[in-house]
Amino acid sequence: MTTIPDEFKDLFTGKHFAHIATIQPDGSPQVSPVWVALEGDLVVFNSAEGRQKVKNLDRDTRVALSIHDQENPYRYIQVRGKVVEKTQEGAVQHIDQLAKRYLGLDEYPGHQPGDVRVIYKIQPERVQTQG
């Protein structure tokens, strides 16, 4: 099992955006900026049902993401892996926690009526770092 090096875990706990790449039905990549966290050795992010990355991951669990340090853009981590869990349980609270970290707000301002929030957990299979 591949793990995130301790000296790069701060990229998952600060205000650094990740860019996550999923695979479209035609095989082309699709990239989205996301807020991320760590849960043990799993990379965790939150989305809403119906979004393209959700559709892509429901079909093909392979994913890649990168995060660069906002203070030093030459310091970064790239993670490739697979989704090992998708859940709605606690997803609204999770996005609110991320909004607190990234925006300083107690509640995610993008809540929309009818949105179904989901949490994805990614098991790293390959990790590359620089800096």
N, C-alpha and C. Protein backbone atom coordinates (compact mmCIF):
# COMPACT_ATOMS: atom_id res chain seq x y z
N MET A 1 0.85 -1.18 0.00
CA MET A 1 0.00 0.00 0.00
C MET A 1 0.89 1.25 0.00
N THR A 2 0.61 2.18 -0.88
CA THR A 2 1.34 3.42 -0.98
C THR A 2 0.75 4.44 -0.01
N THR A 3 1.61 5.21 0.62
CA THR A 3 1.14 6.21 1.58
C THR A 3 1.62 7.60 1.17
N ILE A 4 0.99 8.59 1.73
CA ILE A 4 1.39 9.98 1.51
C ILE A 4 2.56 10.26 2.46
N PRO A 5 3.69 10.74 1.95
CA PRO A 5 4.82 11.05 2.83
C PRO A 5 4.44 12.12 3.85
N ASP A 6 4.90 11.94 5.08
CA ASP A 6 4.57 12.88 6.15
C ASP A 6 4.89 14.32 5.78
N GLU A 7 6.02 14.53 5.09
CA GLU A 7 6.44 15.90 4.77
C GLU A 7 5.58 16.56 3.70
N PHE A 8 4.59 15.84 3.15
CA PHE A 8 3.67 16.41 2.17
C PHE A 8 2.22 16.40 2.64
N LYS A 9 1.96 15.89 3.83
CA LYS A 9 0.59 15.84 4.35
C LYS A 9 -0.01 17.22 4.55
N ASP A 10 0.85 18.23 4.78
CA ASP A 10 0.34 19.59 4.95
C ASP A 10 -0.40 20.09 3.71
N LEU A 11 -0.09 19.54 2.55
CA LEU A 11 -0.80 19.95 1.33
C LEU A 11 -2.25 19.50 1.35
N PHE A 12 -2.57 18.53 2.20
CA PHE A 12 -3.94 18.02 2.32
C PHE A 12 -4.67 18.63 3.52
N THR A 13 -3.97 19.42 4.32
CA THR A 13 -4.59 19.99 5.51
C THR A 13 -4.65 21.50 5.47
N GLY A 14 -3.99 22.11 4.49
CA GLY A 14 -4.02 23.55 4.33
C GLY A 14 -5.08 23.96 3.33
N LYS A 15 -4.91 25.13 2.75
CA LYS A 15 -5.88 25.66 1.79
C LYS A 15 -5.45 25.42 0.34
N HIS A 16 -4.71 24.36 0.12
CA HIS A 16 -4.21 24.05 -1.21
C HIS A 16 -5.27 23.29 -2.01
N PHE A 17 -5.57 23.77 -3.20
CA PHE A 17 -6.53 23.10 -4.08
C PHE A 17 -5.86 21.93 -4.77
N ALA A 18 -6.61 20.87 -4.93
CA ALA A 18 -6.17 19.75 -5.76
C ALA A 18 -6.83 19.87 -7.12
N HIS A 19 -6.18 19.34 -8.13
CA HIS A 19 -6.79 19.20 -9.45
C HIS A 19 -6.90 17.70 -9.69
N ILE A 20 -8.12 17.26 -9.86
CA ILE A 20 -8.39 15.83 -9.98
C ILE A 20 -8.76 15.49 -11.42
N ALA A 21 -8.12 14.46 -11.94
CA ALA A 21 -8.37 14.02 -13.31
C ALA A 21 -9.13 12.71 -13.28
N THR A 22 -10.23 12.68 -14.04
CA THR A 22 -11.02 11.47 -14.22
C THR A 22 -11.06 11.16 -15.71
N ILE A 23 -11.65 10.03 -16.04
CA ILE A 23 -11.64 9.58 -17.43
C ILE A 23 -13.06 9.66 -18.01
N GLN A 24 -13.18 10.41 -19.09
CA GLN A 24 -14.45 10.56 -19.79
C GLN A 24 -14.83 9.25 -20.49
N PRO A 25 -16.10 9.11 -20.88
CA PRO A 25 -16.51 7.89 -21.59
C PRO A 25 -15.70 7.63 -22.87
N ASP A 26 -15.24 8.69 -23.53
CA ASP A 26 -14.46 8.49 -24.76
C ASP A 26 -12.97 8.27 -24.49
N GLY A 27 -12.58 8.20 -23.20
CA GLY A 27 -11.20 7.97 -22.83
C GLY A 27 -10.38 9.22 -22.61
N SER A 28 -10.93 10.37 -22.91
CA SER A 28 -10.20 11.62 -22.71
C SER A 28 -10.24 12.03 -21.23
N PRO A 29 -9.26 12.82 -20.80
CA PRO A 29 -9.24 13.24 -19.40
C PRO A 29 -10.21 14.39 -19.14
N GLN A 30 -10.67 14.47 -17.91
CA GLN A 30 -11.49 15.59 -17.44
C GLN A 30 -10.88 16.02 -16.12
N VAL A 31 -10.59 17.31 -15.95
CA VAL A 31 -9.92 17.80 -14.75
C VAL A 31 -10.79 18.83 -14.04
N SER A 32 -10.84 18.73 -12.71
CA SER A 32 -11.61 19.67 -11.89
C SER A 32 -10.81 20.05 -10.66
N PRO A 33 -10.89 21.32 -10.25
CA PRO A 33 -10.30 21.69 -8.96
C PRO A 33 -11.24 21.21 -7.85
N VAL A 34 -10.65 20.70 -6.78
CA VAL A 34 -11.45 20.21 -5.64
C VAL A 34 -10.72 20.54 -4.34
N TRP A 35 -11.49 20.60 -3.26
CA TRP A 35 -10.94 20.65 -1.92
C TRP A 35 -10.66 19.22 -1.50
N VAL A 36 -9.57 19.00 -0.78
CA VAL A 36 -9.19 17.64 -0.38
C VAL A 36 -8.84 17.57 1.09
N ALA A 37 -8.81 16.35 1.58
CA ALA A 37 -8.40 16.05 2.95
C ALA A 37 -7.79 14.66 2.96
N LEU A 38 -7.24 14.29 4.08
CA LEU A 38 -6.75 12.93 4.29
C LEU A 38 -7.58 12.27 5.38
N GLU A 39 -7.84 11.00 5.19
CA GLU A 39 -8.47 10.17 6.21
C GLU A 39 -7.59 8.94 6.34
N GLY A 40 -6.68 9.00 7.31
CA GLY A 40 -5.65 7.97 7.38
C GLY A 40 -4.77 8.11 6.16
N ASP A 41 -4.64 7.05 5.37
CA ASP A 41 -3.85 7.11 4.14
C ASP A 41 -4.70 7.34 2.91
N LEU A 42 -6.00 7.55 3.08
CA LEU A 42 -6.89 7.77 1.95
C LEU A 42 -7.04 9.26 1.66
N VAL A 43 -7.03 9.60 0.38
CA VAL A 43 -7.32 10.96 -0.06
C VAL A 43 -8.83 11.08 -0.18
N VAL A 44 -9.39 12.15 0.36
CA VAL A 44 -10.84 12.30 0.42
C VAL A 44 -11.24 13.63 -0.23
N PHE A 45 -12.27 13.58 -1.06
CA PHE A 45 -12.85 14.81 -1.58
C PHE A 45 -14.36 14.66 -1.66
N ASN A 46 -15.03 15.78 -1.86
CA ASN A 46 -16.48 15.85 -1.80
C ASN A 46 -17.01 16.43 -3.10
N SER A 47 -18.14 15.93 -3.55
CA SER A 47 -18.77 16.45 -4.76
C SER A 47 -20.28 16.28 -4.63
N ALA A 48 -20.98 16.48 -5.72
CA ALA A 48 -22.42 16.31 -5.74
C ALA A 48 -22.80 15.38 -6.90
N GLU A 49 -23.80 14.56 -6.65
CA GLU A 49 -24.30 13.67 -7.70
C GLU A 49 -24.65 14.50 -8.93
N GLY A 50 -24.40 13.93 -10.10
CA GLY A 50 -24.75 14.59 -11.35
C GLY A 50 -23.59 15.34 -11.99
N ARG A 51 -22.55 15.63 -11.23
CA ARG A 51 -21.39 16.32 -11.79
C ARG A 51 -20.59 15.35 -12.67
N GLN A 52 -19.87 15.90 -13.64
CA GLN A 52 -19.16 15.05 -14.60
C GLN A 52 -18.14 14.15 -13.93
N LYS A 53 -17.38 14.67 -12.97
CA LYS A 53 -16.38 13.82 -12.31
C LYS A 53 -17.04 12.67 -11.57
N VAL A 54 -18.22 12.89 -11.02
CA VAL A 54 -18.96 11.83 -10.32
C VAL A 54 -19.40 10.77 -11.32
N LYS A 55 -19.95 11.19 -12.43
CA LYS A 55 -20.35 10.24 -13.48
C LYS A 55 -19.15 9.43 -13.95
N ASN A 56 -18.03 10.13 -14.15
CA ASN A 56 -16.81 9.44 -14.61
C ASN A 56 -16.33 8.42 -13.59
N LEU A 57 -16.28 8.82 -12.32
CA LEU A 57 -15.77 7.91 -11.28
C LEU A 57 -16.72 6.75 -11.00
N ASP A 58 -18.01 6.96 -11.21
CA ASP A 58 -18.96 5.85 -11.05
C ASP A 58 -18.76 4.79 -12.13
N ARG A 59 -18.21 5.20 -13.27
CA ARG A 59 -17.98 4.29 -14.38
C ARG A 59 -16.56 3.69 -14.33
N ASP A 60 -15.58 4.52 -13.95
CA ASP A 60 -14.17 4.11 -13.95
C ASP A 60 -13.52 4.73 -12.71
N THR A 61 -13.10 3.90 -11.78
CA THR A 61 -12.62 4.39 -10.48
C THR A 61 -11.19 4.92 -10.49
N ARG A 62 -10.51 4.86 -11.63
CA ARG A 62 -9.14 5.37 -11.70
C ARG A 62 -9.14 6.90 -11.65
N VAL A 63 -8.18 7.44 -10.92
CA VAL A 63 -8.11 8.89 -10.72
C VAL A 63 -6.66 9.31 -10.52
N ALA A 64 -6.38 10.54 -10.91
CA ALA A 64 -5.09 11.15 -10.62
C ALA A 64 -5.37 12.55 -10.09
N LEU A 65 -4.51 13.01 -9.19
CA LEU A 65 -4.67 14.37 -8.69
C LEU A 65 -3.31 14.94 -8.38
N SER A 66 -3.24 16.26 -8.41
CA SER A 66 -2.01 16.94 -8.04
C SER A 66 -2.37 18.14 -7.17
N ILE A 67 -1.44 18.46 -6.29
CA ILE A 67 -1.58 19.63 -5.42
C ILE A 67 -0.23 20.32 -5.41
N HIS A 68 -0.21 21.62 -5.61
CA HIS A 68 1.04 22.35 -5.44
C HIS A 68 0.91 23.28 -4.24
N ASP A 69 2.02 23.51 -3.60
CA ASP A 69 2.09 24.37 -2.42
C ASP A 69 1.85 25.82 -2.86
N GLN A 70 0.89 26.49 -2.24
CA GLN A 70 0.58 27.88 -2.60
C GLN A 70 1.77 28.81 -2.34
N GLU A 71 2.59 28.49 -1.35
CA GLU A 71 3.75 29.31 -1.01
C GLU A 71 4.96 29.01 -1.89
N ASN A 72 5.03 27.79 -2.41
CA ASN A 72 6.15 27.37 -3.24
C ASN A 72 5.61 26.44 -4.32
N PRO A 73 5.20 26.99 -5.47
CA PRO A 73 4.56 26.18 -6.50
C PRO A 73 5.44 25.09 -7.10
N TYR A 74 6.74 25.11 -6.80
CA TYR A 74 7.62 24.05 -7.27
C TYR A 74 7.61 22.84 -6.34
N ARG A 75 6.92 22.96 -5.22
CA ARG A 75 6.73 21.84 -4.28
C ARG A 75 5.33 21.29 -4.53
N TYR A 76 5.25 20.03 -4.88
CA TYR A 76 3.95 19.46 -5.20
C TYR A 76 3.93 17.95 -4.94
N ILE A 77 2.72 17.42 -4.99
CA ILE A 77 2.51 15.98 -4.90
C ILE A 77 1.54 15.58 -6.00
N GLN A 78 1.80 14.43 -6.57
CA GLN A 78 0.88 13.82 -7.54
C GLN A 78 0.52 12.45 -6.98
N VAL A 79 -0.77 12.15 -7.02
CA VAL A 79 -1.27 10.87 -6.52
C VAL A 79 -2.10 10.22 -7.61
N ARG A 80 -1.81 8.96 -7.87
CA ARG A 80 -2.66 8.16 -8.76
C ARG A 80 -3.20 6.99 -7.95
N GLY A 81 -4.46 6.68 -8.17
CA GLY A 81 -5.06 5.59 -7.41
C GLY A 81 -6.45 5.27 -7.90
N LYS A 82 -7.19 4.62 -7.01
CA LYS A 82 -8.56 4.22 -7.33
C LYS A 82 -9.48 4.57 -6.18
N VAL A 83 -10.73 4.86 -6.54
CA VAL A 83 -11.76 5.07 -5.53
C VAL A 83 -12.03 3.74 -4.85
N VAL A 84 -11.97 3.74 -3.52
CA VAL A 84 -12.27 2.54 -2.75
C VAL A 84 -13.57 2.67 -1.97
N GLU A 85 -14.10 3.90 -1.91
CA GLU A 85 -15.38 4.08 -1.23
C GLU A 85 -16.05 5.35 -1.73
N LYS A 86 -17.36 5.26 -1.88
CA LYS A 86 -18.20 6.42 -2.17
C LYS A 86 -19.36 6.35 -1.18
N THR A 87 -19.62 7.46 -0.49
CA THR A 87 -20.70 7.46 0.49
C THR A 87 -21.38 8.82 0.55
N GLN A 88 -22.66 8.79 0.86
CA GLN A 88 -23.41 10.02 1.13
C GLN A 88 -23.40 10.32 2.62
N GLU A 89 -23.08 9.31 3.41
CA GLU A 89 -23.12 9.46 4.87
C GLU A 89 -22.10 10.51 5.33
N GLY A 90 -22.59 11.53 6.00
CA GLY A 90 -21.72 12.59 6.52
C GLY A 90 -21.20 13.55 5.48
N ALA A 91 -21.68 13.45 4.24
CA ALA A 91 -21.13 14.27 3.15
C ALA A 91 -21.46 15.76 3.31
N VAL A 92 -22.63 16.09 3.81
CA VAL A 92 -22.98 17.51 4.00
C VAL A 92 -22.10 18.10 5.09
N GLN A 93 -21.92 17.38 6.18
CA GLN A 93 -21.06 17.86 7.26
C GLN A 93 -19.61 17.98 6.77
N HIS A 94 -19.19 17.03 5.93
CA HIS A 94 -17.82 17.05 5.41
C HIS A 94 -17.57 18.28 4.55
N ILE A 95 -18.49 18.62 3.65
CA ILE A 95 -18.28 19.80 2.80
C ILE A 95 -18.30 21.07 3.65
N ASP A 96 -19.10 21.07 4.72
CA ASP A 96 -19.11 22.22 5.63
C ASP A 96 -17.77 22.34 6.36
N GLN A 97 -17.17 21.21 6.74
CA GLN A 97 -15.84 21.24 7.38
C GLN A 97 -14.79 21.77 6.41
N LEU A 98 -14.88 21.34 5.16
CA LEU A 98 -13.94 21.84 4.16
C LEU A 98 -14.13 23.34 3.91
N ALA A 99 -15.38 23.80 3.92
CA ALA A 99 -15.66 25.23 3.75
C ALA A 99 -15.06 26.04 4.90
N LYS A 100 -15.08 25.47 6.09
CA LYS A 100 -14.46 26.14 7.25
C LYS A 100 -12.96 26.30 7.01
N ARG A 101 -12.31 25.24 6.54
CA ARG A 101 -10.86 25.29 6.31
C ARG A 101 -10.50 26.19 5.14
N TYR A 102 -11.20 26.03 4.02
CA TYR A 102 -10.82 26.75 2.80
C TYR A 102 -11.35 28.19 2.76
N LEU A 103 -12.52 28.42 3.33
CA LEU A 103 -13.16 29.73 3.22
C LEU A 103 -13.34 30.46 4.55
N GLY A 104 -13.17 29.74 5.65
CA GLY A 104 -13.42 30.35 6.96
C GLY A 104 -14.90 30.49 7.28
N LEU A 105 -15.74 29.75 6.56
CA LEU A 105 -17.19 29.80 6.77
C LEU A 105 -17.68 28.53 7.47
N ASP A 106 -18.71 28.68 8.30
CA ASP A 106 -19.24 27.52 9.01
C ASP A 106 -20.05 26.60 8.12
N GLU A 107 -20.55 27.14 7.01
CA GLU A 107 -21.37 26.34 6.11
C GLU A 107 -20.94 26.59 4.67
N TYR A 108 -20.93 25.51 3.88
CA TYR A 108 -20.59 25.60 2.47
C TYR A 108 -21.60 26.51 1.77
N PRO A 109 -21.14 27.59 1.11
CA PRO A 109 -22.07 28.53 0.49
C PRO A 109 -22.71 28.02 -0.79
N GLY A 110 -22.23 26.90 -1.33
CA GLY A 110 -22.76 26.38 -2.59
C GLY A 110 -23.88 25.36 -2.44
N HIS A 111 -24.38 25.17 -1.20
CA HIS A 111 -25.49 24.22 -1.03
C HIS A 111 -26.66 24.62 -1.94
N GLN A 112 -27.17 23.65 -2.67
CA GLN A 112 -28.30 23.89 -3.57
C GLN A 112 -29.43 22.93 -3.20
N PRO A 113 -30.69 23.39 -3.28
CA PRO A 113 -31.80 22.49 -3.00
C PRO A 113 -31.74 21.28 -3.93
N GLY A 114 -31.89 20.12 -3.38
CA GLY A 114 -31.89 18.89 -4.17
C GLY A 114 -30.52 18.28 -4.39
N ASP A 115 -29.45 19.01 -4.06
CA ASP A 115 -28.11 18.44 -4.20
C ASP A 115 -27.94 17.24 -3.28
N VAL A 116 -27.33 16.20 -3.80
CA VAL A 116 -26.97 15.03 -3.00
C VAL A 116 -25.45 15.01 -2.95
N ARG A 117 -24.90 15.33 -1.78
CA ARG A 117 -23.45 15.37 -1.60
C ARG A 117 -22.91 13.96 -1.44
N VAL A 118 -21.69 13.74 -1.95
CA VAL A 118 -21.03 12.44 -1.82
C VAL A 118 -19.56 12.66 -1.47
N ILE A 119 -19.03 11.71 -0.73
CA ILE A 119 -17.61 11.70 -0.38
C ILE A 119 -16.97 10.56 -1.15
N TYR A 120 -15.84 10.85 -1.77
CA TYR A 120 -15.03 9.83 -2.43
C TYR A 120 -13.75 9.63 -1.63
N LYS A 121 -13.35 8.37 -1.47
CA LYS A 121 -12.11 8.03 -0.80
C LYS A 121 -11.22 7.29 -1.79
N ILE A 122 -10.01 7.80 -1.94
CA ILE A 122 -9.08 7.28 -2.93
C ILE A 122 -7.90 6.62 -2.24
N GLN A 123 -7.61 5.39 -2.65
CA GLN A 123 -6.43 4.67 -2.18
C GLN A 123 -5.27 4.99 -3.11
N PRO A 124 -4.24 5.68 -2.62
CA PRO A 124 -3.09 5.95 -3.48
C PRO A 124 -2.40 4.66 -3.93
N GLU A 125 -2.08 4.58 -5.20
CA GLU A 125 -1.31 3.46 -5.74
C GLU A 125 0.07 3.91 -6.17
N ARG A 126 0.19 5.18 -6.50
CA ARG A 126 1.48 5.74 -6.87
C ARG A 126 1.51 7.20 -6.42
N VAL A 127 2.60 7.58 -5.78
CA VAL A 127 2.77 8.94 -5.28
C VAL A 127 4.10 9.48 -5.78
N GLN A 128 4.08 10.67 -6.34
CA GLN A 128 5.31 11.34 -6.77
C GLN A 128 5.34 12.71 -6.11
N THR A 129 6.51 13.12 -5.65
CA THR A 129 6.64 14.41 -5.00
C THR A 129 7.83 15.17 -5.57
N GLN A 130 7.80 16.47 -5.35
CA GLN A 130 8.89 17.35 -5.75
C GLN A 130 8.99 18.46 -4.72
N GLY A 131 10.17 18.77 -4.33
CA GLY A 131 10.39 19.92 -3.43
C GLY A 131 10.49 19.62 -1.99
